[in-house]
Amino acid sequence: MRAIGCITILALAGLVLPGGARAEDQRGIIMANTCHSCHGTDGRSVGAMPSIAGKSSDYIVETLRKFRDGKKPSTVMARIAKGFSDDEIVALAKHFAQQ
């Protein structure tokens, strides 16, 4: 039980996660799970929504910030992006850029 507590603390501190992944990497993966209903699995859309997999991290950061800050018109994305901090936007961008 004590080891589990230590691993949890280290994971929260961003030091270690199962498989050697860092917490900030996992954060993007976890948040990206909410994007799949519109943008497809791993950001590869098969419908009318744009695919975001493989887009540059800079492009994704810039676009999400524009949605969040009301500088890019949208129907849904502005509402979604308002909930993201800059760190969360960077984590999402990093994840989708690596797809």
C-alpha atoms as a PDB file:
ATOM      1  CA  MET A   1       0.000   0.000   0.000  1.00  0.00           C
ATOM      2  CA  ARG A   2       2.854   2.349   0.830  1.00  0.00           C
ATOM      3  CA  ALA A   3       4.473   1.795  -2.594  1.00  0.00           C
ATOM      4  CA  ILE A   4       1.228   2.646  -4.354  1.00  0.00           C
ATOM      5  CA  GLY A   5       1.057   5.930  -2.437  1.00  0.00           C
ATOM      6  CA  CYS A   6       4.625   6.804  -3.445  1.00  0.00           C
ATOM      7  CA  ILE A   7       3.967   6.006  -7.094  1.00  0.00           C
ATOM      8  CA  THR A   8       0.834   8.157  -7.006  1.00  0.00           C
ATOM      9  CA  ILE A   9       2.749  11.084  -5.536  1.00  0.00           C
ATOM     10  CA  LEU A  10       5.536  10.716  -8.099  1.00  0.00           C
ATOM     11  CA  ALA A  11       3.015  10.494 -10.936  1.00  0.00           C
ATOM     12  CA  LEU A  12       1.235  13.620  -9.757  1.00  0.00           C
ATOM     13  CA  ALA A  13       4.573  15.387  -9.550  1.00  0.00           C
ATOM     14  CA  GLY A  14       5.219  14.448 -13.181  1.00  0.00           C
ATOM     15  CA  LEU A  15       8.122  12.212 -12.387  1.00  0.00           C
ATOM     16  CA  VAL A  16       7.023   8.707 -13.305  1.00  0.00           C
ATOM     17  CA  LEU A  17       4.099   6.755 -14.715  1.00  0.00           C
ATOM     18  CA  PRO A  18       3.726   3.145 -15.794  1.00  0.00           C
ATOM     19  CA  GLY A  19       5.570   2.474 -19.034  1.00  0.00           C
ATOM     20  CA  GLY A  20       7.993   5.331 -18.408  1.00  0.00           C
ATOM     21  CA  ALA A  21       5.556   8.033 -19.558  1.00  0.00           C
ATOM     22  CA  ARG A  22       5.630  11.380 -17.811  1.00  0.00           C
ATOM     23  CA  ALA A  23       2.504  12.893 -16.280  1.00  0.00           C
ATOM     24  CA  GLU A  24       2.409  15.782 -18.759  1.00  0.00           C
ATOM     25  CA  ASP A  25       2.386  13.281 -21.645  1.00  0.00           C
ATOM     26  CA  GLN A  26      -0.465  11.339 -20.064  1.00  0.00           C
ATOM     27  CA  ARG A  27      -2.407  14.549 -19.503  1.00  0.00           C
ATOM     28  CA  GLY A  28      -2.622  15.196 -23.248  1.00  0.00           C
ATOM     29  CA  ILE A  29      -3.648  11.608 -23.909  1.00  0.00           C
ATOM     30  CA  ILE A  30      -6.381  11.719 -21.278  1.00  0.00           C
ATOM     31  CA  MET A  31      -7.763  15.047 -22.484  1.00  0.00           C
ATOM     32  CA  ALA A  32      -7.598  13.928 -26.131  1.00  0.00           C
ATOM     33  CA  ASN A  33     -10.100  11.181 -25.354  1.00  0.00           C
ATOM     34  CA  THR A  34     -12.805  13.847 -25.305  1.00  0.00           C
ATOM     35  CA  CYS A  35     -11.939  14.956 -28.871  1.00  0.00           C
ATOM     36  CA  HIS A  36     -12.576  11.623 -30.583  1.00  0.00           C
ATOM     37  CA  SER A  37     -16.346  11.998 -30.932  1.00  0.00           C
ATOM     38  CA  CYS A  38     -15.891  14.853 -33.428  1.00  0.00           C
ATOM     39  CA  HIS A  39     -12.314  14.534 -34.685  1.00  0.00           C
ATOM     40  CA  GLY A  40     -12.042  10.738 -34.797  1.00  0.00           C
ATOM     41  CA  THR A  41      -9.811   8.266 -33.049  1.00  0.00           C
ATOM     42  CA  ASP A  42      -6.393   9.823 -32.450  1.00  0.00           C
ATOM     43  CA  GLY A  43      -7.588  12.929 -34.306  1.00  0.00           C
ATOM     44  CA  ARG A  44      -8.148  11.139 -37.633  1.00  0.00           C
ATOM     45  CA  SER A  45     -11.598  12.255 -38.715  1.00  0.00           C
ATOM     46  CA  VAL A  46     -13.593  10.206 -41.203  1.00  0.00           C
ATOM     47  CA  GLY A  47     -16.400  12.737 -41.450  1.00  0.00           C
ATOM     48  CA  ALA A  48     -16.937  16.433 -41.990  1.00  0.00           C
ATOM     49  CA  MET A  49     -14.842  17.544 -39.014  1.00  0.00           C
ATOM     50  CA  PRO A  50     -11.200  18.300 -39.742  1.00  0.00           C
ATOM     51  CA  SER A  51      -8.545  15.770 -38.856  1.00  0.00           C
ATOM     52  CA  ILE A  52      -6.104  17.139 -36.308  1.00  0.00           C
ATOM     53  CA  ALA A  53      -3.674  14.220 -36.175  1.00  0.00           C
ATOM     54  CA  GLY A  54      -0.222  15.192 -37.349  1.00  0.00           C
ATOM     55  CA  LYS A  55      -0.902  18.930 -37.464  1.00  0.00           C
ATOM     56  CA  SER A  56       1.974  20.941 -36.070  1.00  0.00           C
ATOM     57  CA  SER A  57       1.919  21.635 -32.374  1.00  0.00           C
ATOM     58  CA  ASP A  58       2.208  25.370 -33.072  1.00  0.00           C
ATOM     59  CA  TYR A  59      -0.839  25.270 -35.357  1.00  0.00           C
ATOM     60  CA  ILE A  60      -2.941  23.409 -32.782  1.00  0.00           C
ATOM     61  CA  VAL A  61      -1.892  25.734 -29.945  1.00  0.00           C
ATOM     62  CA  GLU A  62      -2.629  28.830 -32.016  1.00  0.00           C
ATOM     63  CA  THR A  63      -5.993  27.521 -33.192  1.00  0.00           C
ATOM     64  CA  LEU A  64      -7.166  26.393 -29.750  1.00  0.00           C
ATOM     65  CA  ARG A  65      -6.139  29.723 -28.220  1.00  0.00           C
ATOM     66  CA  LYS A  66      -8.050  31.587 -30.936  1.00  0.00           C
ATOM     67  CA  PHE A  67     -11.150  29.502 -30.211  1.00  0.00           C
ATOM     68  CA  ARG A  68     -10.742  30.028 -26.472  1.00  0.00           C
ATOM     69  CA  ASP A  69     -10.175  33.779 -26.782  1.00  0.00           C
ATOM     70  CA  GLY A  70     -13.096  34.307 -29.187  1.00  0.00           C
ATOM     71  CA  LYS A  71     -10.839  35.230 -32.113  1.00  0.00           C
ATOM     72  CA  LYS A  72     -11.905  32.310 -34.313  1.00  0.00           C
ATOM     73  CA  PRO A  73     -15.604  31.720 -34.963  1.00  0.00           C
ATOM     74  CA  SER A  74     -17.062  28.314 -34.221  1.00  0.00           C
ATOM     75  CA  THR A  75     -20.214  26.571 -33.173  1.00  0.00           C
ATOM     76  CA  VAL A  76     -18.802  24.314 -30.463  1.00  0.00           C
ATOM     77  CA  MET A  77     -15.016  24.655 -30.223  1.00  0.00           C
ATOM     78  CA  ALA A  78     -15.064  28.077 -28.558  1.00  0.00           C
ATOM     79  CA  ARG A  79     -17.160  26.633 -25.732  1.00  0.00           C
ATOM     80  CA  ILE A  80     -14.875  23.644 -25.360  1.00  0.00           C
ATOM     81  CA  ALA A  81     -11.620  25.611 -25.580  1.00  0.00           C
ATOM     82  CA  LYS A  82     -12.729  28.092 -22.893  1.00  0.00           C
ATOM     83  CA  GLY A  83     -12.155  25.299 -20.387  1.00  0.00           C
ATOM     84  CA  PHE A  84      -8.498  24.773 -21.312  1.00  0.00           C
ATOM     85  CA  SER A  85      -5.534  26.428 -19.631  1.00  0.00           C
ATOM     86  CA  ASP A  86      -2.442  27.245 -21.689  1.00  0.00           C
ATOM     87  CA  ASP A  87      -0.708  24.166 -20.249  1.00  0.00           C
ATOM     88  CA  GLU A  88      -3.626  21.936 -21.237  1.00  0.00           C
ATOM     89  CA  ILE A  89      -3.660  23.373 -24.760  1.00  0.00           C
ATOM     90  CA  VAL A  90       0.062  22.634 -25.096  1.00  0.00           C
ATOM     91  CA  ALA A  91      -0.463  19.070 -23.822  1.00  0.00           C
ATOM     92  CA  LEU A  92      -3.246  18.474 -26.353  1.00  0.00           C
ATOM     93  CA  ALA A  93      -1.200  20.001 -29.162  1.00  0.00           C
ATOM     94  CA  LYS A  94       1.788  17.833 -28.326  1.00  0.00           C
ATOM     95  CA  HIS A  95      -0.367  14.710 -28.304  1.00  0.00           C
ATOM     96  CA  PHE A  96      -2.086  15.337 -31.639  1.00  0.00           C
ATOM     97  CA  ALA A  97       1.114  16.502 -33.338  1.00  0.00           C
ATOM     98  CA  GLN A  98       2.652  13.111 -32.515  1.00  0.00           C
ATOM     99  CA  GLN A  99      -0.205  11.146 -34.097  1.00  0.00           C
END
